[in-house]
Amino acid sequence: MTDLQQLGPEEPYREMFTIEGEPEEAREARRRILEAFQDLRFYERDHIYLLHGERLPSVSGIASRFESQHFDPVSQSESYALRHGETPEYWRAQWECNSFRATTLGTKTHEFGESLSYLRAGHPEFIRPSVASQYLERHGFLAPIHPKEEAAKAFLEGLHPSLHLVLNEARVYSGLNPDPSRNLSERICGTFDMLYWYDGEGDASRAGFVLFDYKTNASLFSEFNQRNHVMLMSPFSDIVQESIGEYTIQLSLYALMLEDIGINVLGRRIVWLKDDGTFETFALPDVSDRLRNCL
């Protein structure tokens, strides 16, 4: 059990809402998700999830379990100092500061994207406090102030009208499949960025749900690992150990948790937000069956 008094304030859970003109499928999926996972608590300061007082491992941590090689800052900083001067402690501090900057920027960009998405859906009350100062209410304008925010804005403005918002930043966890044999052996949780209902553009056989996830990395790929065939561990030994490979696992875990409550995900997409204000999307394969067999 975790001492709640040592944690920061709990992040508020989204209450049920509707979007004018939305399809019934999107509204029903939103209701189902919010009801199914409402008992999962999240504390942003320490990035801790609690389910009935029990701390759960997160999706990002599960994905890292399959890394075949891990970065060791102590040994790496020692060799780096020999080549470039300064002390190992100096380089470890530099790396930690750079990582903190990237994480902070990533969080801020995600919150801008979430806020803009809800604003476009007619819900300015969901604008996050971190970007509230960027909102010009009389014009309904949320100002992007960084190229990655410009990229998020371009992505949202370019979404096909057949895609209908279900939820942004929704917490989910595993173990709710009515068939016990389909549940993972441990509870896993996380927060997905975006879920949309694709209406099939008039063809019901093509309709379904699509997960999108913003990524703000400098790069999604590792040329070194590709060149040297550094792969993830079994059962993902056919996937290169690089950011997009680990994101493949992450998004399939989110999809798996949604499928446990009857929401079938037909697509998983990474939205890579770049420093030049542009974005790229990458379709990821479904590896949820492998995850059910190994976790």
C-alpha atoms as a PDB file:
ATOM      1  CA  MET A   1       0.000   0.000   0.000  1.00  0.00           C
ATOM      2  CA  THR A   2       1.163   3.546  -0.743  1.00  0.00           C
ATOM      3  CA  ASP A   3       0.932   6.366   1.803  1.00  0.00           C
ATOM      4  CA  LEU A   4      -1.421   8.820   0.103  1.00  0.00           C
ATOM      5  CA  GLN A   5      -0.252  11.651   2.341  1.00  0.00           C
ATOM      6  CA  GLN A   6       3.172  11.515   0.687  1.00  0.00           C
ATOM      7  CA  LEU A   7       1.733  11.958  -2.792  1.00  0.00           C
ATOM      8  CA  GLY A   8       0.786  15.198  -4.473  1.00  0.00           C
ATOM      9  CA  PRO A   9      -2.821  15.993  -5.385  1.00  0.00           C
ATOM     10  CA  GLU A  10      -4.678  13.422  -7.433  1.00  0.00           C
ATOM     11  CA  GLU A  11      -5.227  14.347 -11.064  1.00  0.00           C
ATOM     12  CA  PRO A  12      -9.003  14.867 -11.506  1.00  0.00           C
ATOM     13  CA  TYR A  13     -10.820  12.197 -13.454  1.00  0.00           C
ATOM     14  CA  ARG A  14     -12.816  13.236 -16.500  1.00  0.00           C
ATOM     15  CA  GLU A  15     -16.571  13.169 -16.037  1.00  0.00           C
ATOM     16  CA  MET A  16     -18.911  12.088 -18.817  1.00  0.00           C
ATOM     17  CA  PHE A  17     -19.591  14.721 -21.479  1.00  0.00           C
ATOM     18  CA  THR A  18     -20.991  14.869 -25.005  1.00  0.00           C
ATOM     19  CA  ILE A  19     -19.923  16.577 -28.225  1.00  0.00           C
ATOM     20  CA  GLU A  20     -22.526  18.199 -30.429  1.00  0.00           C
ATOM     21  CA  GLY A  21     -23.321  16.152 -33.522  1.00  0.00           C
ATOM     22  CA  GLU A  22     -21.126  13.192 -32.564  1.00  0.00           C
ATOM     23  CA  PRO A  23     -22.003   9.615 -33.566  1.00  0.00           C
ATOM     24  CA  GLU A  24     -23.588   7.397 -30.951  1.00  0.00           C
ATOM     25  CA  GLU A  25     -20.627   5.006 -31.186  1.00  0.00           C
ATOM     26  CA  ALA A  26     -18.213   7.696 -29.970  1.00  0.00           C
ATOM     27  CA  ARG A  27     -20.491   8.747 -27.110  1.00  0.00           C
ATOM     28  CA  GLU A  28     -21.120   5.163 -25.978  1.00  0.00           C
ATOM     29  CA  ALA A  29     -17.399   4.308 -26.059  1.00  0.00           C
ATOM     30  CA  ARG A  30     -16.637   7.385 -23.936  1.00  0.00           C
ATOM     31  CA  ARG A  31     -19.241   6.387 -21.365  1.00  0.00           C
ATOM     32  CA  ARG A  32     -17.945   2.823 -21.248  1.00  0.00           C
ATOM     33  CA  ILE A  33     -14.316   3.873 -20.737  1.00  0.00           C
ATOM     34  CA  LEU A  34     -15.081   6.460 -18.070  1.00  0.00           C
ATOM     35  CA  GLU A  35     -17.244   4.019 -16.122  1.00  0.00           C
ATOM     36  CA  ALA A  36     -14.928   1.015 -16.450  1.00  0.00           C
ATOM     37  CA  PHE A  37     -11.735   2.744 -15.284  1.00  0.00           C
ATOM     38  CA  GLN A  38     -13.063   5.359 -12.862  1.00  0.00           C
ATOM     39  CA  ASP A  39     -11.448   3.660  -9.836  1.00  0.00           C
ATOM     40  CA  LEU A  40      -7.891   4.151 -11.169  1.00  0.00           C
ATOM     41  CA  ARG A  41      -6.154   7.035  -9.386  1.00  0.00           C
ATOM     42  CA  PHE A  42      -3.241   9.018 -10.815  1.00  0.00           C
ATOM     43  CA  TYR A  43      -0.773  11.325  -9.054  1.00  0.00           C
ATOM     44  CA  GLU A  44       1.118  13.424 -11.582  1.00  0.00           C
ATOM     45  CA  ARG A  45       3.957  14.686  -9.381  1.00  0.00           C
ATOM     46  CA  ASP A  46       5.343  11.205  -8.720  1.00  0.00           C
ATOM     47  CA  HIS A  47       3.731   9.616 -11.790  1.00  0.00           C
ATOM     48  CA  ILE A  48       2.044   6.977  -9.642  1.00  0.00           C
ATOM     49  CA  TYR A  49      -1.091   4.994 -10.458  1.00  0.00           C
ATOM     50  CA  LEU A  50      -3.124   3.402  -7.662  1.00  0.00           C
ATOM     51  CA  LEU A  51      -5.949   0.904  -8.000  1.00  0.00           C
ATOM     52  CA  HIS A  52      -7.730   0.372  -4.681  1.00  0.00           C
ATOM     53  CA  GLY A  53      -4.549   1.468  -2.920  1.00  0.00           C
ATOM     54  CA  GLU A  54      -2.237  -0.832  -4.885  1.00  0.00           C
ATOM     55  CA  ARG A  55       0.454   0.741  -7.034  1.00  0.00           C
ATOM     56  CA  LEU A  56       0.389  -0.568 -10.609  1.00  0.00           C
ATOM     57  CA  PRO A  57       3.227  -0.708 -13.158  1.00  0.00           C
ATOM     58  CA  SER A  58       2.779   1.592 -16.131  1.00  0.00           C
ATOM     59  CA  VAL A  59       2.723   0.771 -19.817  1.00  0.00           C
ATOM     60  CA  SER A  60       6.013   2.597 -20.450  1.00  0.00           C
ATOM     61  CA  GLY A  61       7.739   0.541 -17.761  1.00  0.00           C
ATOM     62  CA  ILE A  62       6.414  -2.702 -19.208  1.00  0.00           C
ATOM     63  CA  ALA A  63       7.743  -1.818 -22.663  1.00  0.00           C
ATOM     64  CA  SER A  64      11.230  -1.217 -21.264  1.00  0.00           C
ATOM     65  CA  ARG A  65      11.290  -4.772 -19.862  1.00  0.00           C
ATOM     66  CA  PHE A  66      11.861  -6.049 -23.379  1.00  0.00           C
ATOM     67  CA  GLU A  67      15.023  -4.008 -23.992  1.00  0.00           C
ATOM     68  CA  SER A  68      18.005  -6.259 -24.639  1.00  0.00           C
ATOM     69  CA  GLN A  69      20.492  -3.465 -23.918  1.00  0.00           C
ATOM     70  CA  HIS A  70      20.130  -0.811 -21.224  1.00  0.00           C
ATOM     71  CA  PHE A  71      21.867   2.549 -20.978  1.00  0.00           C
ATOM     72  CA  ASP A  72      24.276   2.666 -17.997  1.00  0.00           C
ATOM     73  CA  PRO A  73      24.929   6.361 -17.220  1.00  0.00           C
ATOM     74  CA  VAL A  74      27.887   5.629 -14.931  1.00  0.00           C
ATOM     75  CA  SER A  75      29.979   3.612 -17.380  1.00  0.00           C
ATOM     76  CA  GLN A  76      28.865   5.706 -20.350  1.00  0.00           C
ATOM     77  CA  SER A  77      29.783   8.965 -18.620  1.00  0.00           C
ATOM     78  CA  GLU A  78      33.228   7.626 -17.748  1.00  0.00           C
ATOM     79  CA  SER A  79      34.026   6.707 -21.334  1.00  0.00           C
ATOM     80  CA  TYR A  80      32.453   9.934 -22.622  1.00  0.00           C
ATOM     81  CA  ALA A  81      34.611  12.024 -20.267  1.00  0.00           C
ATOM     82  CA  LEU A  82      37.764  10.301 -21.522  1.00  0.00           C
ATOM     83  CA  ARG A  83      36.866  11.246 -25.106  1.00  0.00           C
ATOM     84  CA  HIS A  84      35.460  14.742 -24.559  1.00  0.00           C
ATOM     85  CA  GLY A  85      36.967  16.039 -21.340  1.00  0.00           C
ATOM     86  CA  GLU A  86      35.222  17.229 -18.166  1.00  0.00           C
ATOM     87  CA  THR A  87      34.291  14.745 -15.432  1.00  0.00           C
ATOM     88  CA  PRO A  88      31.829  11.845 -15.558  1.00  0.00           C
ATOM     89  CA  GLU A  89      29.718  13.695 -12.984  1.00  0.00           C
ATOM     90  CA  TYR A  90      29.580  16.719 -15.298  1.00  0.00           C
ATOM     91  CA  TRP A  91      28.234  14.658 -18.201  1.00  0.00           C
ATOM     92  CA  ARG A  92      25.694  12.811 -16.057  1.00  0.00           C
ATOM     93  CA  ALA A  93      24.386  16.170 -14.860  1.00  0.00           C
ATOM     94  CA  GLN A  94      24.191  17.444 -18.443  1.00  0.00           C
ATOM     95  CA  TRP A  95      22.282  14.359 -19.560  1.00  0.00           C
ATOM     96  CA  GLU A  96      19.881  14.598 -16.631  1.00  0.00           C
ATOM     97  CA  CYS A  97      19.181  18.268 -17.371  1.00  0.00           C
ATOM     98  CA  ASN A  98      18.627  17.541 -21.073  1.00  0.00           C
ATOM     99  CA  SER A  99      16.276  14.687 -20.189  1.00  0.00           C
ATOM    100  CA  PHE A 100      14.355  16.931 -17.788  1.00  0.00           C
ATOM    101  CA  ARG A 101      14.015  19.616 -20.446  1.00  0.00           C
ATOM    102  CA  ALA A 102      12.745  17.099 -23.010  1.00  0.00           C
ATOM    103  CA  THR A 103      10.283  15.556 -20.553  1.00  0.00           C
ATOM    104  CA  THR A 104       8.970  18.955 -19.477  1.00  0.00           C
ATOM    105  CA  LEU A 105       8.524  20.060 -23.084  1.00  0.00           C
ATOM    106  CA  GLY A 106       6.818  16.775 -23.925  1.00  0.00           C
ATOM    107  CA  THR A 107       4.343  17.149 -21.059  1.00  0.00           C
ATOM    108  CA  LYS A 108       3.577  20.746 -21.998  1.00  0.00           C
ATOM    109  CA  THR A 109       3.075  19.807 -25.661  1.00  0.00           C
ATOM    110  CA  HIS A 110       0.733  16.954 -24.744  1.00  0.00           C
ATOM    111  CA  GLU A 111      -1.331  19.277 -22.577  1.00  0.00           C
ATOM    112  CA  PHE A 112      -1.545  21.817 -25.387  1.00  0.00           C
ATOM    113  CA  GLY A 113      -2.716  19.115 -27.817  1.00  0.00           C
ATOM    114  CA  GLU A 114      -5.282  17.813 -25.330  1.00  0.00           C
ATOM    115  CA  SER A 115      -6.580  21.319 -24.648  1.00  0.00           C
ATOM    116  CA  LEU A 116      -6.818  22.292 -28.306  1.00  0.00           C
ATOM    117  CA  SER A 117      -8.619  19.070 -29.147  1.00  0.00           C
ATOM    118  CA  TYR A 118     -11.269  19.691 -26.493  1.00  0.00           C
ATOM    119  CA  LEU A 119     -11.555  23.344 -27.485  1.00  0.00           C
ATOM    120  CA  ARG A 120     -12.241  22.302 -31.079  1.00  0.00           C
ATOM    121  CA  ALA A 121     -14.862  19.861 -29.748  1.00  0.00           C
ATOM    122  CA  GLY A 122     -16.693  22.693 -27.977  1.00  0.00           C
ATOM    123  CA  HIS A 123     -15.325  22.142 -24.471  1.00  0.00           C
ATOM    124  CA  PRO A 124     -13.015  25.041 -23.527  1.00  0.00           C
ATOM    125  CA  GLU A 125     -13.580  24.171 -19.860  1.00  0.00           C
ATOM    126  CA  PHE A 126     -11.181  21.248 -20.367  1.00  0.00           C
ATOM    127  CA  ILE A 127      -8.217  23.485 -21.248  1.00  0.00           C
ATOM    128  CA  ARG A 128      -5.343  22.466 -18.965  1.00  0.00           C
ATOM    129  CA  PRO A 129      -4.036  25.003 -16.406  1.00  0.00           C
ATOM    130  CA  SER A 130      -0.540  24.832 -17.919  1.00  0.00           C
ATOM    131  CA  VAL A 131      -1.783  26.370 -21.184  1.00  0.00           C
ATOM    132  CA  ALA A 132      -4.646  28.525 -19.853  1.00  0.00           C
ATOM    133  CA  SER A 133      -2.583  31.692 -20.325  1.00  0.00           C
ATOM    134  CA  GLN A 134      -2.411  30.903 -24.066  1.00  0.00           C
ATOM    135  CA  TYR A 135      -6.202  30.992 -24.442  1.00  0.00           C
ATOM    136  CA  LEU A 136      -7.789  34.147 -25.893  1.00  0.00           C
ATOM    137  CA  GLU A 137     -11.380  33.468 -24.888  1.00  0.00           C
ATOM    138  CA  ARG A 138     -13.132  36.195 -26.880  1.00  0.00           C
ATOM    139  CA  HIS A 139     -11.819  34.694 -30.107  1.00  0.00           C
ATOM    140  CA  GLY A 140     -11.801  31.057 -28.994  1.00  0.00           C
ATOM    141  CA  PHE A 141      -8.100  30.971 -29.839  1.00  0.00           C
ATOM    142  CA  LEU A 142      -5.479  28.781 -28.149  1.00  0.00           C
ATOM    143  CA  ALA A 143      -2.087  30.103 -29.186  1.00  0.00           C
ATOM    144  CA  PRO A 144       0.721  27.652 -29.955  1.00  0.00           C
ATOM    145  CA  ILE A 145       3.977  29.084 -28.581  1.00  0.00           C
ATOM    146  CA  HIS A 146       6.438  26.349 -29.562  1.00  0.00           C
ATOM    147  CA  PRO A 147       7.012  24.567 -32.895  1.00  0.00           C
ATOM    148  CA  LYS A 148       5.880  21.252 -31.394  1.00  0.00           C
ATOM    149  CA  GLU A 149       2.613  22.914 -30.392  1.00  0.00           C
ATOM    150  CA  GLU A 150       2.326  24.215 -33.964  1.00  0.00           C
ATOM    151  CA  ALA A 151       2.780  20.612 -35.102  1.00  0.00           C
ATOM    152  CA  ALA A 152       0.011  19.393 -32.762  1.00  0.00           C
ATOM    153  CA  LYS A 153      -2.263  22.138 -34.105  1.00  0.00           C
ATOM    154  CA  ALA A 154      -1.494  21.116 -37.708  1.00  0.00           C
ATOM    155  CA  PHE A 155      -2.280  17.479 -36.905  1.00  0.00           C
ATOM    156  CA  LEU A 156      -5.631  18.302 -35.323  1.00  0.00           C
ATOM    157  CA  GLU A 157      -6.639  20.682 -38.094  1.00  0.00           C
ATOM    158  CA  GLY A 158      -5.793  18.035 -40.692  1.00  0.00           C
ATOM    159  CA  LEU A 159      -7.857  15.241 -39.159  1.00  0.00           C
ATOM    160  CA  HIS A 160     -10.319  13.689 -41.595  1.00  0.00           C
ATOM    161  CA  PRO A 161     -13.970  14.548 -40.795  1.00  0.00           C
ATOM    162  CA  SER A 162     -14.722  10.821 -40.576  1.00  0.00           C
ATOM    163  CA  LEU A 163     -12.694  10.737 -37.327  1.00  0.00           C
ATOM    164  CA  HIS A 164     -14.689  11.670 -34.213  1.00  0.00           C
ATOM    165  CA  LEU A 165     -13.085  12.359 -30.842  1.00  0.00           C
ATOM    166  CA  VAL A 166     -13.867   9.924 -28.045  1.00  0.00           C
ATOM    167  CA  LEU A 167     -11.378  10.879 -25.319  1.00  0.00           C
ATOM    168  CA  ASN A 168      -8.022  12.502 -24.700  1.00  0.00           C
ATOM    169  CA  GLU A 169      -5.673  11.505 -21.862  1.00  0.00           C
ATOM    170  CA  ALA A 170      -7.788   8.644 -20.518  1.00  0.00           C
ATOM    171  CA  ARG A 171      -6.559   6.240 -17.836  1.00  0.00           C
ATOM    172  CA  VAL A 172      -6.958   2.512 -18.406  1.00  0.00           C
ATOM    173  CA  TYR A 173      -5.817  -0.734 -16.813  1.00  0.00           C
ATOM    174  CA  SER A 174      -5.759  -4.423 -17.665  1.00  0.00           C
ATOM    175  CA  GLY A 175      -7.705  -7.299 -16.162  1.00  0.00           C
ATOM    176  CA  LEU A 176     -11.299  -6.469 -17.100  1.00  0.00           C
ATOM    177  CA  ASN A 177     -11.802  -9.052 -19.844  1.00  0.00           C
ATOM    178  CA  PRO A 178     -14.857 -11.208 -19.015  1.00  0.00           C
ATOM    179  CA  ASP A 179     -12.844 -14.223 -20.232  1.00  0.00           C
ATOM    180  CA  PRO A 180     -10.259 -14.802 -17.468  1.00  0.00           C
ATOM    181  CA  SER A 181      -7.965 -16.666 -19.863  1.00  0.00           C
ATOM    182  CA  ARG A 182      -7.566 -13.455 -21.894  1.00  0.00           C
ATOM    183  CA  ASN A 183      -6.436 -11.315 -18.968  1.00  0.00           C
ATOM    184  CA  LEU A 184      -2.772 -10.583 -18.303  1.00  0.00           C
ATOM    185  CA  SER A 185      -1.136 -12.243 -15.303  1.00  0.00           C
ATOM    186  CA  GLU A 186      -0.540  -8.825 -13.680  1.00  0.00           C
ATOM    187  CA  ARG A 187      -2.394  -5.540 -13.591  1.00  0.00           C
ATOM    188  CA  ILE A 188      -0.890  -2.909 -15.890  1.00  0.00           C
ATOM    189  CA  CYS A 189      -2.102   0.652 -16.352  1.00  0.00           C
ATOM    190  CA  GLY A 190      -1.444   3.803 -18.334  1.00  0.00           C
ATOM    191  CA  THR A 191      -2.898   6.879 -19.996  1.00  0.00           C
ATOM    192  CA  PHE A 192      -3.450   6.980 -23.746  1.00  0.00           C
ATOM    193  CA  ASP A 193      -3.313  10.288 -25.624  1.00  0.00           C
ATOM    194  CA  MET A 194      -6.241  10.104 -28.035  1.00  0.00           C
ATOM    195  CA  LEU A 195      -8.996   7.734 -29.097  1.00  0.00           C
ATOM    196  CA  TYR A 196     -11.146   8.446 -32.167  1.00  0.00           C
ATOM    197  CA  TRP A 197     -14.100   6.693 -33.767  1.00  0.00           C
ATOM    198  CA  TYR A 198     -13.648   6.215 -37.511  1.00  0.00           C
ATOM    199  CA  ASP A 199     -17.097   6.093 -39.107  1.00  0.00           C
ATOM    200  CA  GLY A 200     -15.956   4.175 -42.197  1.00  0.00           C
ATOM    201  CA  GLU A 201     -17.038   6.981 -44.521  1.00  0.00           C
ATOM    202  CA  GLY A 202     -20.361   5.292 -45.133  1.00  0.00           C
ATOM    203  CA  ASP A 203     -18.999   1.736 -45.089  1.00  0.00           C
ATOM    204  CA  ALA A 204     -19.846   0.159 -41.725  1.00  0.00           C
ATOM    205  CA  SER A 205     -17.469  -2.738 -42.377  1.00  0.00           C
ATOM    206  CA  ARG A 206     -14.524  -0.296 -42.239  1.00  0.00           C
ATOM    207  CA  ALA A 207     -15.619   1.531 -39.089  1.00  0.00           C
ATOM    208  CA  GLY A 208     -13.817   1.206 -35.774  1.00  0.00           C
ATOM    209  CA  PHE A 209     -11.642   2.900 -33.179  1.00  0.00           C
ATOM    210  CA  VAL A 210      -8.193   4.392 -33.717  1.00  0.00           C
ATOM    211  CA  LEU A 211      -5.605   5.189 -31.044  1.00  0.00           C
ATOM    212  CA  PHE A 212      -3.242   8.127 -31.594  1.00  0.00           C
ATOM    213  CA  ASP A 213      -0.242   8.939 -29.424  1.00  0.00           C
ATOM    214  CA  TYR A 214       1.829  12.128 -29.562  1.00  0.00           C
ATOM    215  CA  LYS A 215       5.617  11.702 -29.429  1.00  0.00           C
ATOM    216  CA  THR A 216       8.067  14.591 -29.117  1.00  0.00           C
ATOM    217  CA  ASN A 217      11.383  12.676 -29.346  1.00  0.00           C
ATOM    218  CA  ALA A 218      14.275  14.098 -31.315  1.00  0.00           C
ATOM    219  CA  SER A 219      14.134  10.825 -33.268  1.00  0.00           C
ATOM    220  CA  LEU A 220      12.009   7.681 -33.307  1.00  0.00           C
ATOM    221  CA  PHE A 221      14.674   5.508 -34.894  1.00  0.00           C
ATOM    222  CA  SER A 222      18.181   4.297 -34.012  1.00  0.00           C
ATOM    223  CA  GLU A 223      20.461   3.944 -37.015  1.00  0.00           C
ATOM    224  CA  PHE A 224      23.111   2.337 -34.780  1.00  0.00           C
ATOM    225  CA  ASN A 225      20.741  -0.372 -33.528  1.00  0.00           C
ATOM    226  CA  GLN A 226      19.352  -0.953 -37.005  1.00  0.00           C
ATOM    227  CA  ARG A 227      22.861  -1.308 -38.408  1.00  0.00           C
ATOM    228  CA  ASN A 228      23.997  -3.615 -35.604  1.00  0.00           C
ATOM    229  CA  HIS A 229      20.776  -5.621 -35.353  1.00  0.00           C
ATOM    230  CA  VAL A 230      20.109  -4.706 -31.731  1.00  0.00           C
ATOM    231  CA  MET A 231      16.667  -6.180 -31.215  1.00  0.00           C
ATOM    232  CA  LEU A 232      14.117  -6.325 -28.413  1.00  0.00           C
ATOM    233  CA  MET A 233      13.891  -9.520 -26.386  1.00  0.00           C
ATOM    234  CA  SER A 234      11.496 -12.375 -27.096  1.00  0.00           C
ATOM    235  CA  PRO A 235       8.718 -12.450 -28.120  1.00  0.00           C
ATOM    236  CA  PHE A 236       9.648  -9.194 -29.910  1.00  0.00           C
ATOM    237  CA  SER A 237      13.038 -10.249 -31.260  1.00  0.00           C
ATOM    238  CA  ASP A 238      11.885  -9.270 -34.753  1.00  0.00           C
ATOM    239  CA  ILE A 239      11.598  -5.609 -33.658  1.00  0.00           C
ATOM    240  CA  VAL A 240      14.603  -3.263 -33.505  1.00  0.00           C
ATOM    241  CA  GLN A 241      15.289  -1.756 -30.079  1.00  0.00           C
ATOM    242  CA  GLU A 242      14.434   1.862 -30.779  1.00  0.00           C
ATOM    243  CA  SER A 243      11.728   4.257 -29.698  1.00  0.00           C
ATOM    244  CA  ILE A 244       9.172   3.280 -32.315  1.00  0.00           C
ATOM    245  CA  GLY A 245       9.618  -0.396 -31.441  1.00  0.00           C
ATOM    246  CA  GLU A 246       8.826   0.258 -27.781  1.00  0.00           C
ATOM    247  CA  TYR A 247       5.874   2.441 -28.786  1.00  0.00           C
ATOM    248  CA  THR A 248       4.539  -0.520 -30.762  1.00  0.00           C
ATOM    249  CA  ILE A 249       4.310  -2.415 -27.465  1.00  0.00           C
ATOM    250  CA  GLN A 250       2.823   0.558 -25.619  1.00  0.00           C
ATOM    251  CA  LEU A 251      -0.009   1.217 -28.053  1.00  0.00           C
ATOM    252  CA  SER A 252      -0.892  -2.476 -28.298  1.00  0.00           C
ATOM    253  CA  LEU A 253      -1.148  -2.542 -24.495  1.00  0.00           C
ATOM    254  CA  TYR A 254      -3.564   0.397 -24.564  1.00  0.00           C
ATOM    255  CA  ALA A 255      -5.574  -1.297 -27.303  1.00  0.00           C
ATOM    256  CA  LEU A 256      -5.617  -4.547 -25.336  1.00  0.00           C
ATOM    257  CA  MET A 257      -7.071  -2.789 -22.283  1.00  0.00           C
ATOM    258  CA  LEU A 258      -9.788  -1.188 -24.399  1.00  0.00           C
ATOM    259  CA  GLU A 259     -10.580  -4.483 -26.106  1.00  0.00           C
ATOM    260  CA  ASP A 260     -11.037  -6.028 -22.647  1.00  0.00           C
ATOM    261  CA  ILE A 261     -14.139  -3.831 -22.201  1.00  0.00           C
ATOM    262  CA  GLY A 262     -15.454  -4.418 -25.715  1.00  0.00           C
ATOM    263  CA  ILE A 263     -13.889  -1.513 -27.607  1.00  0.00           C
ATOM    264  CA  ASN A 264     -12.092  -2.992 -30.603  1.00  0.00           C
ATOM    265  CA  VAL A 265      -9.200  -0.907 -31.885  1.00  0.00           C
ATOM    266  CA  LEU A 266      -8.543  -1.191 -35.606  1.00  0.00           C
ATOM    267  CA  GLY A 267      -5.570   1.199 -35.800  1.00  0.00           C
ATOM    268  CA  ARG A 268      -2.650   2.426 -33.709  1.00  0.00           C
ATOM    269  CA  ARG A 269      -0.845   5.585 -34.848  1.00  0.00           C
ATOM    270  CA  ILE A 270       2.160   7.536 -33.602  1.00  0.00           C
ATOM    271  CA  VAL A 271       2.013  11.285 -34.248  1.00  0.00           C
ATOM    272  CA  TRP A 272       5.609  12.511 -34.265  1.00  0.00           C
ATOM    273  CA  LEU A 273       5.716  16.244 -33.478  1.00  0.00           C
ATOM    274  CA  LYS A 274       8.889  17.865 -34.796  1.00  0.00           C
ATOM    275  CA  ASP A 275      10.929  20.930 -33.907  1.00  0.00           C
ATOM    276  CA  ASP A 276      10.175  22.549 -37.273  1.00  0.00           C
ATOM    277  CA  GLY A 277       6.423  22.666 -36.612  1.00  0.00           C
ATOM    278  CA  THR A 278       5.575  19.688 -38.821  1.00  0.00           C
ATOM    279  CA  PHE A 279       4.458  16.174 -37.934  1.00  0.00           C
ATOM    280  CA  GLU A 280       4.528  12.645 -39.299  1.00  0.00           C
ATOM    281  CA  THR A 281       2.189   9.770 -38.519  1.00  0.00           C
ATOM    282  CA  PHE A 282       3.280   6.136 -38.352  1.00  0.00           C
ATOM    283  CA  ALA A 283       0.943   3.141 -38.341  1.00  0.00           C
ATOM    284  CA  LEU A 284       2.035   0.516 -35.833  1.00  0.00           C
ATOM    285  CA  PRO A 285       1.388  -3.245 -35.996  1.00  0.00           C
ATOM    286  CA  ASP A 286      -0.851  -5.021 -33.515  1.00  0.00           C
ATOM    287  CA  VAL A 287       1.192  -7.183 -31.110  1.00  0.00           C
ATOM    288  CA  SER A 288      -1.515  -7.581 -28.461  1.00  0.00           C
ATOM    289  CA  ASP A 289      -1.733 -11.375 -28.886  1.00  0.00           C
ATOM    290  CA  ARG A 290       1.970 -11.670 -28.132  1.00  0.00           C
ATOM    291  CA  LEU A 291       1.486  -9.500 -25.048  1.00  0.00           C
ATOM    292  CA  ARG A 292      -1.393 -11.643 -23.796  1.00  0.00           C
ATOM    293  CA  ASN A 293       0.822 -14.717 -24.119  1.00  0.00           C
ATOM    294  CA  CYS A 294       3.891 -13.308 -22.368  1.00  0.00           C
ATOM    295  CA  LEU A 295       2.520 -11.044 -19.625  1.00  0.00           C
END
